[in-house]
């Protein structure tokens, strides 16, 4: 648990230290973080995009293998979405019956955007949603709630995971050879988080002004 907390607060430094100590443990922790972010509705705050980029940069300068990581994290993203999908299916009845429960109240605050996003893009939302923090955690849950066909969901989920992981991981790997990137990838990690959160911050500000 302490290692996961370090990944959230000091992702680049924690990952470098872990690789230096035990590369197999680094693989495991990276797998768990991606699995949690995509598989459990209570972990949308975990650093997905930035973590993949940082992992790619570190692969270019350490013994961590980018091919192994690409396969491992694509599987984590696919399996995580599948977990989330089945959670949505299992909770659909409870969601309708127990509108006063704490879990349901928590979900009600986050689901409308995901439902709107899914309604707009349909099955493509499974792929497109991968590139939006928070949404990528809730879109699979919505797909489960509306009982999207499992085979179709799995197909788009796997495709989306491979594209998402490949884009950020390989970008970090190939750019990691650039000296400036090596010296500043902690800053790049933070910028990636800020850039991906811009749409949600903008929406929040607009909503506050609308209420006023």
N, C-alpha and C. Protein backbone atom coordinates (compact mmCIF):
# COMPACT_ATOMS: atom_id res chain seq x y z
N UNK A 1 0.82 -1.21 0.00
CA UNK A 1 0.00 0.00 0.00
C UNK A 1 0.86 1.26 0.00
N UNK A 2 1.98 1.23 0.76
CA UNK A 2 2.88 2.37 0.79
C UNK A 2 3.49 2.63 -0.58
N UNK A 3 3.79 1.55 -1.31
CA UNK A 3 4.37 1.71 -2.65
C UNK A 3 3.37 2.36 -3.60
N UNK A 4 2.09 1.97 -3.49
CA UNK A 4 1.06 2.56 -4.33
C UNK A 4 0.90 4.04 -4.02
N UNK A 5 1.00 4.39 -2.74
CA UNK A 5 0.89 5.79 -2.34
C UNK A 5 2.06 6.60 -2.90
N UNK A 6 3.25 6.01 -2.87
CA UNK A 6 4.43 6.67 -3.45
C UNK A 6 4.25 6.90 -4.94
N UNK A 7 3.60 5.95 -5.62
CA UNK A 7 3.39 6.08 -7.06
C UNK A 7 2.46 7.24 -7.36
N UNK A 8 1.50 7.48 -6.48
CA UNK A 8 0.56 8.57 -6.70
C UNK A 8 1.22 9.93 -6.44
N UNK A 9 2.00 10.01 -5.36
CA UNK A 9 2.59 11.28 -4.95
C UNK A 9 3.92 11.58 -5.62
N UNK A 10 4.74 10.55 -5.84
CA UNK A 10 6.08 10.74 -6.41
C UNK A 10 6.33 9.65 -7.45
N UNK A 11 5.54 9.66 -8.50
CA UNK A 11 5.54 8.55 -9.45
C UNK A 11 6.90 8.27 -10.06
N UNK A 12 7.56 9.29 -10.61
CA UNK A 12 8.82 9.06 -11.31
C UNK A 12 9.92 8.56 -10.38
N UNK A 13 10.10 9.22 -9.22
CA UNK A 13 11.14 8.81 -8.27
C UNK A 13 10.86 7.42 -7.70
N UNK A 14 9.59 7.15 -7.38
CA UNK A 14 9.23 5.85 -6.80
C UNK A 14 9.47 4.73 -7.79
N UNK A 15 9.14 4.97 -9.05
CA UNK A 15 9.32 3.94 -10.07
C UNK A 15 10.80 3.66 -10.33
N UNK A 16 11.61 4.71 -10.39
CA UNK A 16 13.06 4.53 -10.58
C UNK A 16 13.67 3.73 -9.43
N UNK A 17 13.29 4.06 -8.21
CA UNK A 17 13.81 3.36 -7.05
C UNK A 17 13.40 1.90 -7.06
N UNK A 18 12.16 1.64 -7.46
CA UNK A 18 11.65 0.28 -7.47
C UNK A 18 12.34 -0.57 -8.54
N UNK A 19 12.59 0.01 -9.71
CA UNK A 19 13.29 -0.71 -10.78
C UNK A 19 14.71 -1.04 -10.35
N UNK A 20 15.35 -0.09 -9.68
CA UNK A 20 16.72 -0.31 -9.21
C UNK A 20 16.78 -1.42 -8.17
N UNK A 21 15.73 -1.51 -7.35
CA UNK A 21 15.68 -2.52 -6.29
C UNK A 21 15.31 -3.90 -6.82
N UNK A 22 14.22 -3.95 -7.62
CA UNK A 22 13.73 -5.24 -8.13
C UNK A 22 12.80 -4.99 -9.32
N UNK A 23 13.28 -5.26 -10.52
CA UNK A 23 12.51 -4.94 -11.71
C UNK A 23 11.21 -5.73 -11.79
N UNK A 24 11.20 -6.96 -11.27
CA UNK A 24 9.97 -7.76 -11.30
C UNK A 24 8.90 -7.16 -10.41
N UNK A 25 9.33 -6.58 -9.30
CA UNK A 25 8.37 -5.90 -8.43
C UNK A 25 7.81 -4.66 -9.11
N UNK A 26 8.66 -4.00 -9.89
CA UNK A 26 8.22 -2.82 -10.63
C UNK A 26 7.13 -3.20 -11.63
N UNK A 27 7.34 -4.33 -12.33
CA UNK A 27 6.32 -4.82 -13.25
C UNK A 27 4.99 -5.05 -12.52
N UNK A 28 5.08 -5.68 -11.34
CA UNK A 28 3.88 -6.02 -10.57
C UNK A 28 3.14 -4.77 -10.11
N UNK A 29 3.87 -3.78 -9.59
CA UNK A 29 3.22 -2.56 -9.09
C UNK A 29 2.58 -1.79 -10.24
N UNK A 30 3.27 -1.70 -11.37
CA UNK A 30 2.70 -1.03 -12.54
C UNK A 30 1.41 -1.73 -12.99
N UNK A 31 1.44 -3.05 -13.00
CA UNK A 31 0.27 -3.84 -13.38
C UNK A 31 -0.90 -3.53 -12.44
N UNK A 32 -0.63 -3.49 -11.14
CA UNK A 32 -1.68 -3.26 -10.15
C UNK A 32 -2.27 -1.86 -10.29
N UNK A 33 -1.41 -0.85 -10.50
CA UNK A 33 -1.91 0.53 -10.62
C UNK A 33 -2.84 0.67 -11.82
N UNK A 34 -2.43 0.15 -12.98
CA UNK A 34 -3.27 0.24 -14.18
C UNK A 34 -4.55 -0.57 -13.99
N UNK A 35 -4.44 -1.74 -13.35
CA UNK A 35 -5.61 -2.58 -13.09
C UNK A 35 -6.61 -1.85 -12.20
N UNK A 36 -6.12 -1.20 -11.14
CA UNK A 36 -7.01 -0.50 -10.21
C UNK A 36 -7.67 0.70 -10.88
N UNK A 37 -6.90 1.46 -11.66
CA UNK A 37 -7.46 2.67 -12.27
C UNK A 37 -8.55 2.33 -13.28
N UNK A 38 -8.37 1.25 -14.02
CA UNK A 38 -9.35 0.88 -15.04
C UNK A 38 -10.41 -0.09 -14.53
N UNK A 39 -10.15 -0.75 -13.40
CA UNK A 39 -11.02 -1.82 -12.95
C UNK A 39 -11.91 -1.52 -11.77
N UNK A 40 -11.56 -0.50 -10.96
CA UNK A 40 -12.35 -0.21 -9.78
C UNK A 40 -12.84 1.23 -9.81
N UNK A 41 -14.13 1.43 -9.61
CA UNK A 41 -14.75 2.74 -9.76
C UNK A 41 -14.31 3.74 -8.70
N UNK A 42 -13.60 3.29 -7.66
CA UNK A 42 -13.17 4.19 -6.60
C UNK A 42 -11.73 4.69 -6.79
N UNK A 43 -11.09 4.33 -7.92
CA UNK A 43 -9.71 4.74 -8.14
C UNK A 43 -9.50 5.52 -9.44
N UNK A 44 -10.37 6.48 -9.78
CA UNK A 44 -10.17 7.23 -11.02
C UNK A 44 -9.03 8.24 -10.94
N UNK A 45 -8.53 8.48 -9.70
CA UNK A 45 -7.50 9.49 -9.49
C UNK A 45 -6.09 8.95 -9.72
N UNK A 46 -5.93 7.65 -9.95
CA UNK A 46 -4.60 7.08 -10.14
C UNK A 46 -3.98 7.61 -11.45
N UNK A 47 -2.65 7.79 -11.48
CA UNK A 47 -1.98 8.44 -12.63
C UNK A 47 -1.75 7.49 -13.79
N UNK A 48 -2.71 7.39 -14.70
CA UNK A 48 -2.59 6.46 -15.82
C UNK A 48 -1.68 6.93 -16.94
N UNK A 49 -2.05 8.05 -17.59
CA UNK A 49 -1.28 8.55 -18.73
C UNK A 49 0.16 8.88 -18.35
N UNK A 50 0.31 9.65 -17.29
CA UNK A 50 1.65 10.05 -16.85
C UNK A 50 2.48 8.86 -16.42
N UNK A 51 1.84 7.90 -15.78
CA UNK A 51 2.56 6.71 -15.34
C UNK A 51 3.10 5.91 -16.53
N UNK A 52 2.29 5.77 -17.57
CA UNK A 52 2.72 5.04 -18.76
C UNK A 52 3.89 5.76 -19.44
N UNK A 53 3.81 7.08 -19.53
CA UNK A 53 4.90 7.84 -20.15
C UNK A 53 6.18 7.70 -19.33
N UNK A 54 6.07 7.85 -18.01
CA UNK A 54 7.25 7.71 -17.14
C UNK A 54 7.85 6.32 -17.24
N UNK A 55 7.00 5.31 -17.29
CA UNK A 55 7.48 3.93 -17.42
C UNK A 55 8.25 3.75 -18.73
N UNK A 56 7.75 4.38 -19.81
CA UNK A 56 8.43 4.30 -21.09
C UNK A 56 9.80 4.95 -21.04
N UNK A 57 9.88 6.12 -20.41
CA UNK A 57 11.17 6.82 -20.27
C UNK A 57 12.15 5.95 -19.49
N UNK A 58 11.68 5.35 -18.41
CA UNK A 58 12.55 4.52 -17.56
C UNK A 58 12.99 3.26 -18.30
N UNK A 59 12.11 2.72 -19.15
CA UNK A 59 12.50 1.55 -19.96
C UNK A 59 13.68 1.87 -20.88
N UNK A 60 13.78 3.12 -21.31
CA UNK A 60 14.85 3.50 -22.24
C UNK A 60 16.19 3.67 -21.54
N UNK A 61 16.18 3.72 -20.20
CA UNK A 61 17.42 3.98 -19.47
C UNK A 61 17.76 2.91 -18.42
N UNK A 62 16.90 1.90 -18.27
CA UNK A 62 17.13 0.85 -17.27
C UNK A 62 16.90 -0.52 -17.89
N UNK A 63 16.97 -1.54 -17.04
CA UNK A 63 16.78 -2.91 -17.53
C UNK A 63 15.31 -3.28 -17.73
N UNK A 64 14.40 -2.41 -17.37
CA UNK A 64 12.98 -2.72 -17.56
C UNK A 64 12.68 -2.83 -19.05
N UNK A 65 12.03 -3.91 -19.46
CA UNK A 65 11.80 -4.22 -20.87
C UNK A 65 10.48 -3.62 -21.36
N UNK A 66 10.54 -2.78 -22.37
CA UNK A 66 9.34 -2.09 -22.87
C UNK A 66 8.36 -3.07 -23.51
N UNK A 67 8.86 -4.14 -24.14
CA UNK A 67 7.96 -5.12 -24.77
C UNK A 67 7.16 -5.88 -23.73
N UNK A 68 7.85 -6.30 -22.67
CA UNK A 68 7.17 -6.99 -21.56
C UNK A 68 6.11 -6.08 -20.95
N UNK A 69 6.48 -4.82 -20.77
CA UNK A 69 5.57 -3.87 -20.15
C UNK A 69 4.36 -3.59 -21.04
N UNK A 70 4.59 -3.50 -22.33
CA UNK A 70 3.51 -3.25 -23.29
C UNK A 70 2.47 -4.37 -23.22
N UNK A 71 2.92 -5.60 -23.20
CA UNK A 71 2.01 -6.75 -23.13
C UNK A 71 1.31 -6.79 -21.78
N UNK A 72 2.08 -6.61 -20.72
CA UNK A 72 1.57 -6.72 -19.36
C UNK A 72 0.51 -5.65 -19.07
N UNK A 73 0.80 -4.40 -19.43
CA UNK A 73 -0.12 -3.31 -19.11
C UNK A 73 -1.33 -3.27 -20.04
N UNK A 74 -1.17 -3.76 -21.26
CA UNK A 74 -2.34 -3.89 -22.15
C UNK A 74 -3.31 -4.91 -21.57
N UNK A 75 -2.76 -5.99 -21.02
CA UNK A 75 -3.61 -7.00 -20.37
C UNK A 75 -4.26 -6.41 -19.12
N UNK A 76 -3.49 -5.64 -18.34
CA UNK A 76 -4.04 -5.02 -17.13
C UNK A 76 -5.20 -4.10 -17.47
N UNK A 77 -5.03 -3.29 -18.54
CA UNK A 77 -6.10 -2.37 -18.95
C UNK A 77 -7.33 -3.10 -19.45
N UNK A 78 -7.12 -4.20 -20.16
CA UNK A 78 -8.24 -4.99 -20.68
C UNK A 78 -8.98 -5.70 -19.55
N UNK A 79 -8.21 -6.37 -18.69
CA UNK A 79 -8.83 -7.12 -17.58
C UNK A 79 -9.49 -6.17 -16.59
N UNK A 80 -8.87 -4.99 -16.37
CA UNK A 80 -9.46 -4.00 -15.48
C UNK A 80 -10.82 -3.54 -15.99
N UNK A 81 -10.90 -3.25 -17.28
CA UNK A 81 -12.18 -2.85 -17.87
C UNK A 81 -13.23 -3.95 -17.75
N UNK A 82 -12.79 -5.19 -17.91
CA UNK A 82 -13.72 -6.31 -17.81
C UNK A 82 -14.27 -6.44 -16.39
N UNK A 83 -13.40 -6.24 -15.39
CA UNK A 83 -13.84 -6.23 -13.99
C UNK A 83 -14.89 -5.14 -13.78
N UNK A 84 -14.59 -3.95 -14.32
CA UNK A 84 -15.49 -2.81 -14.17
C UNK A 84 -16.83 -3.06 -14.84
N UNK A 85 -16.78 -3.68 -16.01
CA UNK A 85 -17.99 -4.03 -16.76
C UNK A 85 -18.89 -4.96 -15.95
N UNK A 86 -18.30 -6.01 -15.38
CA UNK A 86 -19.09 -6.97 -14.60
C UNK A 86 -19.59 -6.36 -13.29
N UNK A 87 -18.83 -5.41 -12.74
CA UNK A 87 -19.30 -4.69 -11.55
C UNK A 87 -20.55 -3.90 -11.89
N UNK A 88 -20.53 -3.24 -13.05
CA UNK A 88 -21.70 -2.48 -13.49
C UNK A 88 -22.92 -3.37 -13.69
N UNK A 89 -22.71 -4.54 -14.28
CA UNK A 89 -23.82 -5.49 -14.49
C UNK A 89 -24.39 -5.96 -13.16
N UNK A 90 -23.47 -6.26 -12.21
CA UNK A 90 -23.90 -6.80 -10.92
C UNK A 90 -24.62 -5.75 -10.07
N UNK A 91 -24.23 -4.48 -10.22
CA UNK A 91 -24.79 -3.43 -9.37
C UNK A 91 -26.00 -2.74 -9.98
N UNK A 92 -26.35 -3.08 -11.21
CA UNK A 92 -27.42 -2.38 -11.89
C UNK A 92 -28.73 -2.43 -11.11
N UNK A 93 -29.09 -3.61 -10.61
CA UNK A 93 -30.34 -3.76 -9.85
C UNK A 93 -30.27 -2.99 -8.53
N UNK A 94 -29.12 -3.11 -7.85
CA UNK A 94 -28.95 -2.42 -6.57
C UNK A 94 -28.97 -0.90 -6.78
N UNK A 95 -28.44 -0.48 -7.91
CA UNK A 95 -28.39 0.95 -8.22
C UNK A 95 -29.79 1.53 -8.30
N UNK A 96 -30.72 0.76 -8.84
CA UNK A 96 -32.10 1.23 -8.98
C UNK A 96 -32.88 1.15 -7.67
N UNK A 97 -32.57 0.12 -6.85
CA UNK A 97 -33.34 -0.11 -5.63
C UNK A 97 -32.86 0.69 -4.43
N UNK A 98 -31.53 0.92 -4.36
CA UNK A 98 -30.97 1.53 -3.15
C UNK A 98 -30.37 2.89 -3.47
N UNK A 99 -31.21 3.79 -3.87
CA UNK A 99 -30.75 5.13 -4.24
C UNK A 99 -30.26 5.94 -3.05
N UNK A 100 -30.50 5.44 -1.81
CA UNK A 100 -30.09 6.18 -0.62
C UNK A 100 -28.76 5.70 -0.06
N UNK A 101 -28.16 4.64 -0.64
CA UNK A 101 -26.91 4.11 -0.10
C UNK A 101 -25.73 5.02 -0.43
N UNK A 102 -24.68 4.96 0.38
CA UNK A 102 -23.51 5.81 0.19
C UNK A 102 -22.82 5.51 -1.13
N UNK A 103 -22.74 4.22 -1.51
CA UNK A 103 -22.08 3.83 -2.76
C UNK A 103 -22.82 4.42 -3.94
N UNK A 104 -24.14 4.29 -3.92
CA UNK A 104 -24.94 4.80 -5.03
C UNK A 104 -24.84 6.32 -5.12
N UNK A 105 -24.86 6.99 -3.98
CA UNK A 105 -24.74 8.44 -3.98
C UNK A 105 -23.39 8.87 -4.55
N UNK A 106 -22.35 8.11 -4.23
CA UNK A 106 -21.02 8.39 -4.78
C UNK A 106 -21.03 8.26 -6.30
N UNK A 107 -21.64 7.20 -6.79
CA UNK A 107 -21.67 6.96 -8.23
C UNK A 107 -22.52 7.98 -8.97
N UNK A 108 -23.60 8.40 -8.35
CA UNK A 108 -24.51 9.35 -8.99
C UNK A 108 -23.77 10.63 -9.35
N UNK A 109 -22.78 11.02 -8.55
CA UNK A 109 -22.04 12.25 -8.82
C UNK A 109 -21.14 12.12 -10.03
N UNK A 110 -20.73 10.89 -10.38
CA UNK A 110 -19.75 10.70 -11.43
C UNK A 110 -20.28 10.07 -12.72
N UNK A 111 -21.41 9.40 -12.64
CA UNK A 111 -21.90 8.66 -13.79
C UNK A 111 -22.52 9.49 -14.93
N UNK A 112 -23.20 10.61 -14.65
CA UNK A 112 -23.87 11.31 -15.74
C UNK A 112 -22.97 11.63 -16.93
N UNK A 113 -21.74 12.12 -16.67
CA UNK A 113 -20.82 12.44 -17.76
C UNK A 113 -20.47 11.19 -18.56
N UNK A 114 -20.24 10.09 -17.85
CA UNK A 114 -19.89 8.84 -18.53
C UNK A 114 -21.06 8.35 -19.37
N UNK A 115 -22.29 8.46 -18.84
CA UNK A 115 -23.46 8.03 -19.60
C UNK A 115 -23.66 8.90 -20.84
N UNK A 116 -23.45 10.21 -20.67
CA UNK A 116 -23.57 11.13 -21.81
C UNK A 116 -22.51 10.81 -22.87
N UNK A 117 -21.30 10.54 -22.41
CA UNK A 117 -20.20 10.22 -23.31
C UNK A 117 -20.49 8.93 -24.06
N UNK A 118 -20.99 7.93 -23.34
CA UNK A 118 -21.31 6.64 -23.96
C UNK A 118 -22.46 6.78 -24.97
N UNK A 119 -23.47 7.58 -24.60
CA UNK A 119 -24.60 7.79 -25.51
C UNK A 119 -24.18 8.48 -26.79
N UNK A 120 -23.18 9.35 -26.71
CA UNK A 120 -22.73 10.09 -27.89
C UNK A 120 -21.89 9.23 -28.82
N UNK A 121 -21.01 8.39 -28.25
CA UNK A 121 -20.05 7.65 -29.08
C UNK A 121 -20.35 6.15 -29.21
N UNK A 122 -21.27 5.61 -28.42
CA UNK A 122 -21.59 4.18 -28.51
C UNK A 122 -20.39 3.32 -28.18
N UNK A 123 -20.19 2.25 -28.95
CA UNK A 123 -19.09 1.33 -28.67
C UNK A 123 -17.72 2.01 -28.78
N UNK A 124 -17.63 3.07 -29.60
CA UNK A 124 -16.36 3.79 -29.73
C UNK A 124 -15.95 4.45 -28.41
N UNK A 125 -16.93 4.67 -27.53
CA UNK A 125 -16.62 5.29 -26.24
C UNK A 125 -15.66 4.44 -25.43
N UNK A 126 -15.69 3.11 -25.64
CA UNK A 126 -14.78 2.22 -24.91
C UNK A 126 -13.33 2.53 -25.29
N UNK A 127 -13.10 2.87 -26.57
CA UNK A 127 -11.75 3.20 -27.02
C UNK A 127 -11.42 4.66 -26.71
N UNK A 128 -12.30 5.58 -27.10
CA UNK A 128 -12.05 7.00 -26.91
C UNK A 128 -11.91 7.35 -25.43
N UNK A 129 -12.74 6.72 -24.60
CA UNK A 129 -12.73 7.00 -23.17
C UNK A 129 -11.41 6.69 -22.50
N UNK A 130 -10.61 5.82 -23.10
CA UNK A 130 -9.29 5.50 -22.55
C UNK A 130 -8.42 6.73 -22.38
N UNK A 131 -8.64 7.73 -23.21
CA UNK A 131 -7.75 8.88 -23.23
C UNK A 131 -8.25 10.04 -22.38
N UNK A 132 -9.30 9.78 -21.57
CA UNK A 132 -9.83 10.80 -20.68
C UNK A 132 -9.82 10.28 -19.24
N UNK A 133 -9.01 10.89 -18.36
CA UNK A 133 -9.02 10.47 -16.95
C UNK A 133 -10.42 10.54 -16.39
N UNK A 134 -10.71 9.71 -15.43
CA UNK A 134 -12.01 9.59 -14.77
C UNK A 134 -13.02 8.89 -15.69
N UNK A 135 -13.20 9.41 -16.92
CA UNK A 135 -14.12 8.75 -17.84
C UNK A 135 -13.71 7.32 -18.11
N UNK A 136 -12.39 7.06 -18.24
CA UNK A 136 -11.97 5.70 -18.58
C UNK A 136 -12.27 4.72 -17.43
N UNK A 137 -12.49 5.27 -16.23
CA UNK A 137 -12.87 4.42 -15.11
C UNK A 137 -14.37 4.12 -15.11
N UNK A 138 -15.18 5.07 -15.57
CA UNK A 138 -16.63 4.92 -15.46
C UNK A 138 -17.34 4.45 -16.73
N UNK A 139 -16.75 4.66 -17.90
CA UNK A 139 -17.39 4.20 -19.14
C UNK A 139 -17.61 2.68 -19.14
N UNK A 140 -16.62 1.86 -18.73
CA UNK A 140 -16.86 0.41 -18.68
C UNK A 140 -17.98 0.04 -17.70
N UNK A 141 -18.06 0.78 -16.60
CA UNK A 141 -19.10 0.53 -15.61
C UNK A 141 -20.48 0.78 -16.22
N UNK A 142 -20.60 1.87 -16.97
CA UNK A 142 -21.86 2.19 -17.65
C UNK A 142 -22.20 1.12 -18.68
N UNK A 143 -21.17 0.67 -19.43
CA UNK A 143 -21.40 -0.39 -20.42
C UNK A 143 -21.97 -1.64 -19.77
N UNK A 144 -21.50 -1.95 -18.57
CA UNK A 144 -22.02 -3.10 -17.83
C UNK A 144 -23.44 -2.87 -17.37
N UNK A 145 -23.73 -1.66 -16.90
CA UNK A 145 -25.07 -1.34 -16.40
C UNK A 145 -26.11 -1.45 -17.51
N UNK A 146 -25.77 -1.01 -18.72
CA UNK A 146 -26.74 -1.08 -19.81
C UNK A 146 -26.68 -2.42 -20.54
N UNK A 147 -25.83 -3.33 -20.01
CA UNK A 147 -25.72 -4.71 -20.50
C UNK A 147 -25.30 -4.77 -21.98
N UNK A 148 -24.25 -4.03 -22.29
CA UNK A 148 -23.66 -4.14 -23.62
C UNK A 148 -23.16 -5.57 -23.82
N UNK A 149 -23.26 -6.10 -25.02
CA UNK A 149 -22.85 -7.48 -25.26
C UNK A 149 -21.39 -7.68 -24.88
N UNK A 150 -21.12 -8.74 -24.11
CA UNK A 150 -19.79 -8.95 -23.53
C UNK A 150 -18.70 -9.09 -24.60
N UNK A 151 -18.98 -9.83 -25.66
CA UNK A 151 -17.97 -10.05 -26.71
C UNK A 151 -17.58 -8.75 -27.39
N UNK A 152 -18.58 -7.93 -27.65
CA UNK A 152 -18.31 -6.64 -28.29
C UNK A 152 -17.51 -5.74 -27.34
N UNK A 153 -17.92 -5.73 -26.07
CA UNK A 153 -17.21 -4.92 -25.08
C UNK A 153 -15.75 -5.35 -24.97
N UNK A 154 -15.52 -6.66 -24.90
CA UNK A 154 -14.16 -7.18 -24.75
C UNK A 154 -13.30 -6.81 -25.96
N UNK A 155 -13.88 -6.88 -27.13
CA UNK A 155 -13.15 -6.55 -28.37
C UNK A 155 -12.68 -5.10 -28.35
N UNK A 156 -13.60 -4.16 -28.07
CA UNK A 156 -13.25 -2.74 -28.07
C UNK A 156 -12.37 -2.39 -26.88
N UNK A 157 -12.57 -3.08 -25.77
CA UNK A 157 -11.77 -2.82 -24.59
C UNK A 157 -10.31 -3.21 -24.81
N UNK A 158 -10.09 -4.38 -25.41
CA UNK A 158 -8.73 -4.84 -25.70
C UNK A 158 -8.05 -3.91 -26.70
N UNK A 159 -8.78 -3.52 -27.74
CA UNK A 159 -8.23 -2.63 -28.75
C UNK A 159 -7.86 -1.28 -28.13
N UNK A 160 -8.75 -0.75 -27.31
CA UNK A 160 -8.50 0.53 -26.65
C UNK A 160 -7.30 0.46 -25.71
N UNK A 161 -7.17 -0.65 -24.98
CA UNK A 161 -6.04 -0.82 -24.05
C UNK A 161 -4.72 -0.84 -24.79
N UNK A 162 -4.66 -1.58 -25.89
CA UNK A 162 -3.42 -1.67 -26.67
C UNK A 162 -3.04 -0.30 -27.24
N UNK A 163 -4.01 0.43 -27.78
CA UNK A 163 -3.72 1.75 -28.35
C UNK A 163 -3.26 2.72 -27.28
N UNK A 164 -3.98 2.74 -26.16
CA UNK A 164 -3.67 3.67 -25.06
C UNK A 164 -2.29 3.39 -24.48
N UNK A 165 -2.04 2.14 -24.12
CA UNK A 165 -0.75 1.78 -23.52
C UNK A 165 0.39 2.02 -24.51
N UNK A 166 0.20 1.61 -25.75
CA UNK A 166 1.26 1.77 -26.77
C UNK A 166 1.62 3.23 -26.98
N UNK A 167 0.60 4.10 -27.08
CA UNK A 167 0.83 5.50 -27.37
C UNK A 167 1.70 6.16 -26.30
N UNK A 168 1.29 6.05 -25.05
CA UNK A 168 2.02 6.73 -23.97
C UNK A 168 3.32 6.03 -23.60
N UNK A 169 3.30 4.71 -23.58
CA UNK A 169 4.50 3.95 -23.21
C UNK A 169 5.61 4.13 -24.25
N UNK A 170 5.27 3.98 -25.53
CA UNK A 170 6.27 4.10 -26.59
C UNK A 170 6.72 5.54 -26.80
N UNK A 171 5.82 6.49 -26.54
CA UNK A 171 6.22 7.91 -26.61
C UNK A 171 7.31 8.17 -25.57
N UNK A 172 7.10 7.68 -24.37
CA UNK A 172 8.10 7.84 -23.32
C UNK A 172 9.39 7.11 -23.65
N UNK A 173 9.26 5.92 -24.23
CA UNK A 173 10.44 5.11 -24.54
C UNK A 173 11.32 5.78 -25.60
N UNK A 174 10.72 6.26 -26.67
CA UNK A 174 11.51 6.85 -27.76
C UNK A 174 11.98 8.27 -27.44
N UNK A 175 11.16 9.02 -26.71
CA UNK A 175 11.57 10.37 -26.33
C UNK A 175 12.53 10.35 -25.15
N UNK A 176 12.54 9.22 -24.44
CA UNK A 176 13.39 9.11 -23.26
C UNK A 176 14.88 9.20 -23.55
N UNK A 177 15.27 9.01 -24.79
CA UNK A 177 16.68 9.12 -25.17
C UNK A 177 17.13 10.57 -25.28
N UNK A 178 16.17 11.48 -25.37
CA UNK A 178 16.51 12.90 -25.47
C UNK A 178 16.93 13.39 -24.09
N UNK A 179 18.06 14.07 -24.03
CA UNK A 179 18.63 14.50 -22.76
C UNK A 179 17.68 15.36 -21.94
N UNK A 180 17.01 16.31 -22.61
CA UNK A 180 16.10 17.19 -21.88
C UNK A 180 14.97 16.39 -21.25
N UNK A 181 14.46 15.40 -21.97
CA UNK A 181 13.38 14.57 -21.44
C UNK A 181 13.87 13.77 -20.24
N UNK A 182 15.09 13.22 -20.32
CA UNK A 182 15.66 12.46 -19.21
C UNK A 182 15.72 13.31 -17.94
N UNK A 183 16.10 14.56 -18.12
CA UNK A 183 16.30 15.44 -16.97
C UNK A 183 15.01 16.07 -16.45
N UNK A 184 13.95 15.99 -17.24
CA UNK A 184 12.72 16.69 -16.86
C UNK A 184 11.45 15.85 -16.96
N UNK A 185 11.58 14.52 -16.96
CA UNK A 185 10.36 13.74 -17.18
C UNK A 185 9.41 13.79 -15.99
N UNK A 186 9.92 14.21 -14.82
CA UNK A 186 9.01 14.44 -13.69
C UNK A 186 8.07 15.60 -13.99
N UNK A 187 8.63 16.64 -14.59
CA UNK A 187 7.83 17.79 -15.00
C UNK A 187 6.85 17.40 -16.11
N UNK A 188 7.32 16.60 -17.06
CA UNK A 188 6.46 16.14 -18.14
C UNK A 188 5.30 15.33 -17.58
N UNK A 189 5.58 14.50 -16.58
CA UNK A 189 4.54 13.69 -15.93
C UNK A 189 3.43 14.58 -15.36
N UNK A 190 3.84 15.65 -14.66
CA UNK A 190 2.87 16.56 -14.07
C UNK A 190 2.08 17.30 -15.15
N UNK A 191 2.76 17.71 -16.22
CA UNK A 191 2.08 18.40 -17.30
C UNK A 191 1.06 17.51 -17.99
N UNK A 192 1.38 16.23 -18.14
CA UNK A 192 0.42 15.29 -18.74
C UNK A 192 -0.84 15.20 -17.90
N UNK A 193 -0.67 15.15 -16.60
CA UNK A 193 -1.83 15.09 -15.71
C UNK A 193 -2.68 16.35 -15.85
N UNK A 194 -2.02 17.52 -15.85
CA UNK A 194 -2.73 18.79 -15.95
C UNK A 194 -3.47 18.92 -17.28
N UNK A 195 -2.80 18.53 -18.37
CA UNK A 195 -3.41 18.63 -19.70
C UNK A 195 -4.65 17.75 -19.81
N UNK A 196 -4.55 16.51 -19.30
CA UNK A 196 -5.68 15.60 -19.40
C UNK A 196 -6.84 16.01 -18.49
N UNK A 197 -6.54 16.81 -17.47
CA UNK A 197 -7.60 17.24 -16.55
C UNK A 197 -8.24 18.57 -16.97
N UNK A 198 -7.68 19.24 -17.97
CA UNK A 198 -8.21 20.54 -18.40
C UNK A 198 -9.70 20.49 -18.73
N UNK A 199 -10.19 19.50 -19.51
CA UNK A 199 -11.63 19.47 -19.82
C UNK A 199 -12.51 19.40 -18.57
N UNK A 200 -12.07 18.66 -17.56
CA UNK A 200 -12.88 18.49 -16.35
C UNK A 200 -12.83 19.74 -15.47
N UNK A 201 -11.65 20.39 -15.42
CA UNK A 201 -11.53 21.63 -14.66
C UNK A 201 -12.39 22.71 -15.30
N UNK A 202 -12.35 22.78 -16.64
CA UNK A 202 -13.15 23.76 -17.38
C UNK A 202 -14.64 23.54 -17.13
N UNK A 203 -15.05 22.25 -17.19
CA UNK A 203 -16.47 21.93 -16.96
C UNK A 203 -16.89 22.30 -15.54
N UNK A 204 -16.01 22.08 -14.57
CA UNK A 204 -16.31 22.42 -13.18
C UNK A 204 -16.47 23.92 -13.01
N UNK A 205 -15.56 24.70 -13.60
CA UNK A 205 -15.64 26.16 -13.52
C UNK A 205 -16.92 26.67 -14.15
N UNK A 206 -17.26 26.15 -15.35
CA UNK A 206 -18.48 26.56 -16.03
C UNK A 206 -19.72 26.23 -15.21
N UNK A 207 -19.67 25.06 -14.55
CA UNK A 207 -20.82 24.66 -13.73
C UNK A 207 -20.99 25.60 -12.54
N UNK A 208 -19.88 26.00 -11.93
CA UNK A 208 -19.93 26.92 -10.79
C UNK A 208 -20.49 28.27 -11.20
N UNK A 209 -20.06 28.78 -12.36
CA UNK A 209 -20.58 30.05 -12.86
C UNK A 209 -22.07 29.96 -13.18
N UNK A 210 -22.46 28.78 -13.71
CA UNK A 210 -23.86 28.57 -14.07
C UNK A 210 -24.74 28.60 -12.82
N UNK A 211 -24.25 27.99 -11.74
CA UNK A 211 -25.02 27.97 -10.49
C UNK A 211 -25.19 29.38 -9.94
N UNK A 212 -24.12 30.18 -10.06
CA UNK A 212 -24.19 31.55 -9.55
C UNK A 212 -25.17 32.38 -10.36
